Amino acid sequence: MQNDKVKNVLDQILHAFESGQIPEAIKIAVFPIIDAQCSHWSFNNRLILFLNGTNDARGFHGWKEVNRSVIKGAKAIYILVPCFKKKVNEDTGDEERYLTYFKTAPVFRVEDTEGAPLSYEEIELPPLPLIERAKEWVINVKAVAGNTRYYGYYASTRKEIGLASPEESVFFHELAHAAHERVVGSLRDRDKSLKEIVAELSSISLCKIAGKTADATLGNSYQYIAHYASKLKMNPHKACLKVLAEVEQVINLIIYNDVNGASTIQPKQAQAA
């Protein structure tokens, strides 16, 4: 029975590779949004959380410790737990641990619990310009608790934008990823540096179009673009020129829902959205 459970967990990860979910899963697993116990789990177990649509999961007693309880009828998800044995190294005489097998442990998603607020608090999102476009594309936009390394994500397979910052520029960056995907198809095989430059340049432009001041973050945006441009062995100006055509299509799609900019929405309406 335990072997079957382990196989099911591994099959879930393998299926994610086959279905193309792994790139975005890796992005979020490497830089977990929340600062919780599960953020320190193994990489594979953080992948399992993502694939089950959550950023936080704990055992039944783990939730009790923070005064939350599992909702009746909720189904557990299973993570992998390594099991070790001890033996004495014949050469050194030191006692060592060695891995013998894996077992599974049931945990429950935070979405399947209720009770006291958690130590991390979700931000409250302000009214976001152009959020209606995300809704039209059936993309769920939600607030997530943040850390200093990661401020947002776009999960294509889950059709979800997670924001750990109330800044419009962060939302525009992630919305640009979603639009870019609609412009060129799957982003899975696109160069990461080019994708990030498209998203950040689109974000800066959308801030100005929507009448939002981006001056305070322009320096950060420049450094962000410069970082990815260097990976392409380009200066920021050349890198931006390289993606300019796609950026134009991304912006047109977000503002007008048409890559060619055939306006069904007047610019003033877009600014007030």
Protein backbone atom coordinates (compact mmCIF):
# COMPACT_ATOMS: atom_id res chain seq x y z
CA MET A 1 0.00 0.00 0.00
CA GLN A 2 2.78 2.44 0.96
CA ASN A 3 4.63 1.60 -2.28
CA ASP A 4 1.48 2.40 -4.27
CA LYS A 5 1.20 5.80 -2.58
CA VAL A 6 4.84 6.61 -3.33
CA LYS A 7 4.33 5.57 -6.96
CA ASN A 8 1.25 7.80 -7.23
CA VAL A 9 3.21 10.82 -5.95
CA LEU A 10 6.08 10.18 -8.38
CA ASP A 11 3.62 9.64 -11.24
CA GLN A 12 2.10 13.04 -10.50
CA ILE A 13 5.51 14.71 -10.87
CA LEU A 14 6.28 12.79 -14.07
CA HIS A 15 2.90 13.76 -15.53
CA ALA A 16 3.73 17.41 -14.83
CA PHE A 17 6.83 17.06 -17.01
CA GLU A 18 4.78 15.51 -19.80
CA SER A 19 2.03 18.14 -19.65
CA GLY A 20 4.42 21.10 -19.57
CA GLN A 21 3.60 22.32 -16.06
CA ILE A 22 7.13 21.89 -14.75
CA PRO A 23 8.70 25.24 -15.85
CA GLU A 24 6.20 27.36 -13.93
CA ALA A 25 6.13 24.87 -11.06
CA ILE A 26 9.91 25.14 -10.74
CA LYS A 27 9.71 28.93 -10.78
CA ILE A 28 7.39 28.99 -7.77
CA ALA A 29 8.96 26.03 -5.96
CA VAL A 30 12.43 27.60 -6.12
CA PHE A 31 11.14 30.94 -4.82
CA PRO A 32 8.24 30.05 -2.50
CA ILE A 33 5.94 33.00 -1.90
CA ILE A 34 5.21 32.39 1.76
CA ASP A 35 7.53 31.96 4.69
CA ALA A 36 6.08 28.82 6.23
CA GLN A 37 7.38 25.40 7.24
CA CYS A 38 6.60 23.97 3.81
CA SER A 39 8.88 26.58 2.22
CA HIS A 40 11.77 24.56 3.69
CA TRP A 41 10.56 21.19 2.40
CA SER A 42 12.43 19.36 -0.33
CA PHE A 43 12.16 20.66 -3.86
CA ASN A 44 10.03 17.68 -4.92
CA ASN A 45 7.58 18.25 -2.10
CA ARG A 46 7.26 21.95 -2.99
CA LEU A 47 6.51 20.85 -6.55
CA ILE A 48 3.78 18.58 -5.20
CA LEU A 49 2.20 21.54 -3.38
CA PHE A 50 2.16 23.61 -6.56
CA LEU A 51 0.69 20.78 -8.60
CA ASN A 52 -2.11 20.54 -6.04
CA GLY A 53 -2.91 24.25 -6.29
CA THR A 54 -1.57 25.52 -2.97
CA ASN A 55 1.34 27.44 -1.44
CA ASP A 56 0.91 26.06 2.09
CA ALA A 57 0.13 22.60 3.45
CA ARG A 58 0.62 20.93 6.82
CA GLY A 59 -0.31 17.80 8.66
CA PHE A 60 -3.48 17.54 10.74
CA HIS A 61 -1.64 18.32 13.96
CA GLY A 62 0.42 21.03 12.26
CA TRP A 63 -2.76 22.96 11.56
CA LYS A 64 -3.92 22.42 15.15
CA GLU A 65 -0.73 24.08 16.38
CA VAL A 66 -1.75 27.32 14.62
CA ASN A 67 -5.37 27.02 15.77
CA ARG A 68 -6.78 25.91 12.47
CA SER A 69 -8.71 22.75 11.67
CA VAL A 70 -9.15 20.69 8.56
CA ILE A 71 -12.58 21.08 6.96
CA LYS A 72 -14.68 17.93 7.19
CA GLY A 73 -14.46 15.90 4.00
CA ALA A 74 -11.20 17.51 2.80
CA LYS A 75 -8.87 15.13 1.00
CA ALA A 76 -5.22 14.90 1.94
CA ILE A 77 -2.37 15.25 -0.51
CA TYR A 78 0.75 13.19 -0.01
CA ILE A 79 4.38 14.29 0.25
CA LEU A 80 7.49 12.11 0.24
CA VAL A 81 9.33 11.49 3.51
CA PRO A 82 12.82 9.91 3.45
CA CYS A 83 13.50 7.14 5.95
CA PHE A 84 17.01 6.55 7.24
CA LYS A 85 18.88 3.90 9.17
CA LYS A 86 22.08 4.27 11.16
CA LYS A 87 25.22 2.21 10.81
CA VAL A 88 28.82 2.46 11.94
CA ASN A 89 31.43 3.28 9.31
CA GLU A 90 33.98 0.49 9.60
CA ASP A 91 36.82 2.74 8.47
CA THR A 92 36.20 5.73 10.72
CA GLY A 93 34.09 4.24 13.50
CA ASP A 94 31.60 7.11 13.10
CA GLU A 95 27.89 6.49 13.16
CA GLU A 96 26.32 7.49 9.85
CA ARG A 97 22.79 7.72 8.48
CA TYR A 98 21.87 6.26 5.11
CA LEU A 99 18.66 6.43 3.11
CA THR A 100 16.72 3.18 2.96
CA TYR A 101 13.37 4.08 1.41
CA PHE A 102 10.66 6.72 1.05
CA LYS A 103 7.22 6.75 2.60
CA THR A 104 4.34 9.17 2.15
CA ALA A 105 2.81 11.51 4.69
CA PRO A 106 -0.66 13.09 4.39
CA VAL A 107 -0.91 16.89 4.50
CA PHE A 108 -3.81 19.27 3.93
CA ARG A 109 -3.89 22.45 1.89
CA VAL A 110 -4.47 25.76 3.63
CA GLU A 111 -7.48 26.17 1.32
CA ASP A 112 -9.01 23.13 3.06
CA THR A 113 -8.70 24.52 6.58
CA GLU A 114 -10.48 27.12 8.69
CA GLY A 115 -9.78 28.93 11.94
CA ALA A 116 -7.37 31.57 13.24
CA PRO A 117 -5.48 33.88 10.87
CA LEU A 118 -2.01 32.67 9.96
CA SER A 119 1.21 34.37 10.99
CA TYR A 120 1.70 35.55 7.42
CA GLU A 121 -1.01 37.84 6.15
CA GLU A 122 -2.18 38.23 2.60
CA ILE A 123 -1.99 41.70 1.18
CA GLU A 124 -5.17 43.48 0.24
CA LEU A 125 -5.17 44.24 -3.46
CA PRO A 126 -6.31 47.70 -4.55
CA PRO A 127 -8.56 48.17 -7.59
CA LEU A 128 -6.21 47.20 -10.42
CA PRO A 129 -6.37 48.89 -13.82
CA LEU A 130 -7.12 46.46 -16.64
CA ILE A 131 -8.02 43.61 -14.29
CA GLU A 132 -11.13 43.11 -16.42
CA ARG A 133 -8.88 41.79 -19.17
CA ALA A 134 -7.61 39.06 -16.86
CA LYS A 135 -11.22 38.18 -16.01
CA GLU A 136 -12.10 37.99 -19.72
CA TRP A 137 -9.25 35.56 -20.17
CA VAL A 138 -10.55 33.55 -17.18
CA ILE A 139 -7.40 34.22 -15.16
CA ASN A 140 -7.85 34.31 -11.39
CA VAL A 141 -5.98 37.19 -9.75
CA LYS A 142 -5.33 36.69 -6.05
CA ALA A 143 -3.20 38.13 -3.27
CA VAL A 144 -0.54 35.92 -1.75
CA ALA A 145 1.78 36.52 1.17
CA GLY A 146 5.13 37.77 0.02
CA ASN A 147 8.81 37.68 0.78
CA THR A 148 11.72 39.84 -0.32
CA ARG A 149 12.64 37.61 -3.25
CA TYR A 150 9.41 37.24 -5.16
CA TYR A 151 6.55 39.64 -5.83
CA GLY A 152 4.27 37.80 -8.19
CA TYR A 153 3.80 34.94 -10.59
CA TYR A 154 1.70 33.86 -13.56
CA ALA A 155 0.82 30.17 -13.54
CA SER A 156 -0.30 29.28 -17.04
CA THR A 157 -1.72 25.82 -16.39
CA ARG A 158 -3.66 27.08 -13.36
CA LYS A 159 -4.73 30.29 -15.13
CA GLU A 160 -3.71 32.24 -12.04
CA ILE A 161 -1.85 35.42 -11.21
CA GLY A 162 -0.53 35.60 -7.65
CA LEU A 163 0.46 39.03 -6.36
CA ALA A 164 2.59 39.61 -3.28
CA SER A 165 2.62 43.36 -3.91
CA PRO A 166 -0.17 45.91 -4.43
CA GLU A 167 1.92 47.75 -7.05
CA GLU A 168 0.20 47.99 -10.43
CA SER A 169 3.55 47.40 -12.14
CA VAL A 170 3.75 43.90 -10.64
CA PHE A 171 0.25 43.06 -11.87
CA PHE A 172 1.03 44.46 -15.33
CA HIS A 173 4.21 42.36 -15.49
CA GLU A 174 2.32 39.14 -14.79
CA LEU A 175 -0.59 40.12 -17.05
CA ALA A 176 1.97 40.75 -19.80
CA HIS A 177 3.21 37.17 -19.42
CA ALA A 178 -0.37 35.97 -19.91
CA ALA A 179 -0.83 38.20 -22.96
CA HIS A 180 2.54 37.15 -24.40
CA GLU A 181 1.40 33.54 -24.17
CA ARG A 182 -1.74 34.41 -26.11
CA VAL A 183 0.32 36.22 -28.75
CA VAL A 184 2.97 33.58 -29.46
CA GLY A 185 1.43 30.40 -28.06
CA SER A 186 3.11 28.34 -25.37
CA LEU A 187 5.99 30.13 -23.64
CA ARG A 188 7.53 26.85 -22.58
CA ASP A 189 10.25 26.84 -25.22
CA ARG A 190 10.81 30.61 -25.34
CA ASP A 191 14.04 32.02 -23.95
CA LYS A 192 13.51 33.05 -20.32
CA SER A 193 15.48 36.28 -20.67
CA LEU A 194 13.43 37.43 -23.66
CA LYS A 195 10.18 36.56 -21.86
CA GLU A 196 11.14 38.62 -18.84
CA ILE A 197 12.23 41.61 -20.94
CA VAL A 198 8.92 41.52 -22.84
CA ALA A 199 6.97 41.43 -19.57
CA GLU A 200 8.93 44.22 -17.86
CA LEU A 201 8.97 46.56 -20.87
CA SER A 202 5.24 45.97 -21.31
CA SER A 203 4.70 46.70 -17.61
CA ILE A 204 6.47 50.07 -17.79
CA SER A 205 4.46 51.02 -20.88
CA LEU A 206 1.15 49.93 -19.35
CA CYS A 207 1.85 52.02 -16.26
CA LYS A 208 2.11 55.11 -18.44
CA ILE A 209 -0.91 54.19 -20.58
CA ALA A 210 -3.03 53.59 -17.47
CA GLY A 211 -1.91 56.89 -15.98
CA LYS A 212 0.05 55.25 -13.16
CA THR A 213 3.37 56.71 -12.10
CA ALA A 214 6.19 54.25 -12.62
CA ASP A 215 8.98 56.76 -11.99
CA ALA A 216 9.76 55.32 -8.56
CA THR A 217 10.37 51.87 -10.01
CA LEU A 218 11.96 52.79 -13.36
CA GLY A 219 15.45 52.27 -11.92
CA ASN A 220 14.51 48.79 -10.74
CA SER A 221 12.94 48.03 -14.12
CA TYR A 222 16.09 49.14 -15.91
CA GLN A 223 18.24 46.92 -13.69
CA TYR A 224 15.81 44.04 -14.22
CA ILE A 225 16.00 44.39 -18.00
CA ALA A 226 19.77 44.95 -17.90
CA HIS A 227 20.18 41.73 -15.90
CA TYR A 228 18.36 39.63 -18.49
CA ALA A 229 19.92 41.51 -21.41
CA SER A 230 23.36 40.58 -20.08
CA LYS A 231 22.40 36.92 -20.24
CA LEU A 232 21.74 37.47 -23.95
CA LYS A 233 25.10 39.27 -24.28
CA MET A 234 23.25 42.46 -25.24
CA ASN A 235 22.94 45.93 -23.79
CA PRO A 236 19.45 46.89 -22.50
CA HIS A 237 18.71 49.12 -25.50
CA LYS A 238 19.47 46.38 -28.06
CA ALA A 239 17.52 43.79 -26.04
CA CYS A 240 14.45 46.04 -25.89
CA LEU A 241 14.63 46.69 -29.64
CA LYS A 242 14.78 42.94 -30.22
CA VAL A 243 11.46 42.36 -28.45
CA LEU A 244 9.72 45.62 -29.39
CA ALA A 245 7.39 44.06 -31.97
CA GLU A 246 6.15 41.46 -29.49
CA VAL A 247 5.80 44.10 -26.76
CA GLU A 248 3.56 46.12 -29.08
CA GLN A 249 1.37 43.07 -29.70
CA VAL A 250 1.21 42.32 -25.96
CA ILE A 251 0.13 45.88 -25.13
CA ASN A 252 -2.43 45.97 -27.94
CA LEU A 253 -3.88 42.68 -26.74
CA ILE A 254 -4.18 43.92 -23.16
CA ILE A 255 -5.60 47.35 -24.04
CA TYR A 256 -7.77 46.43 -27.03
CA ASN A 257 -7.96 42.62 -26.87
CA ASP A 258 -6.52 42.69 -30.40
CA VAL A 259 -2.84 42.24 -31.27
CA ASN A 260 -3.15 44.80 -34.08
CA GLY A 261 -4.67 47.46 -31.86
CA ALA A 262 -8.07 47.49 -33.55
CA SER A 263 -9.68 49.58 -30.85
CA THR A 264 -12.98 48.53 -29.37
CA ILE A 265 -12.01 50.39 -26.17
CA GLN A 266 -11.09 54.04 -26.24
CA PRO A 267 -7.81 54.93 -24.49
CA LYS A 268 -9.62 57.03 -21.88
CA GLN A 269 -11.76 54.05 -21.01
CA ALA A 270 -8.66 51.89 -20.67
CA GLN A 271 -7.11 54.45 -18.32
CA ALA A 272 -10.20 54.47 -16.13
CA ALA A 273 -10.55 50.69 -16.11
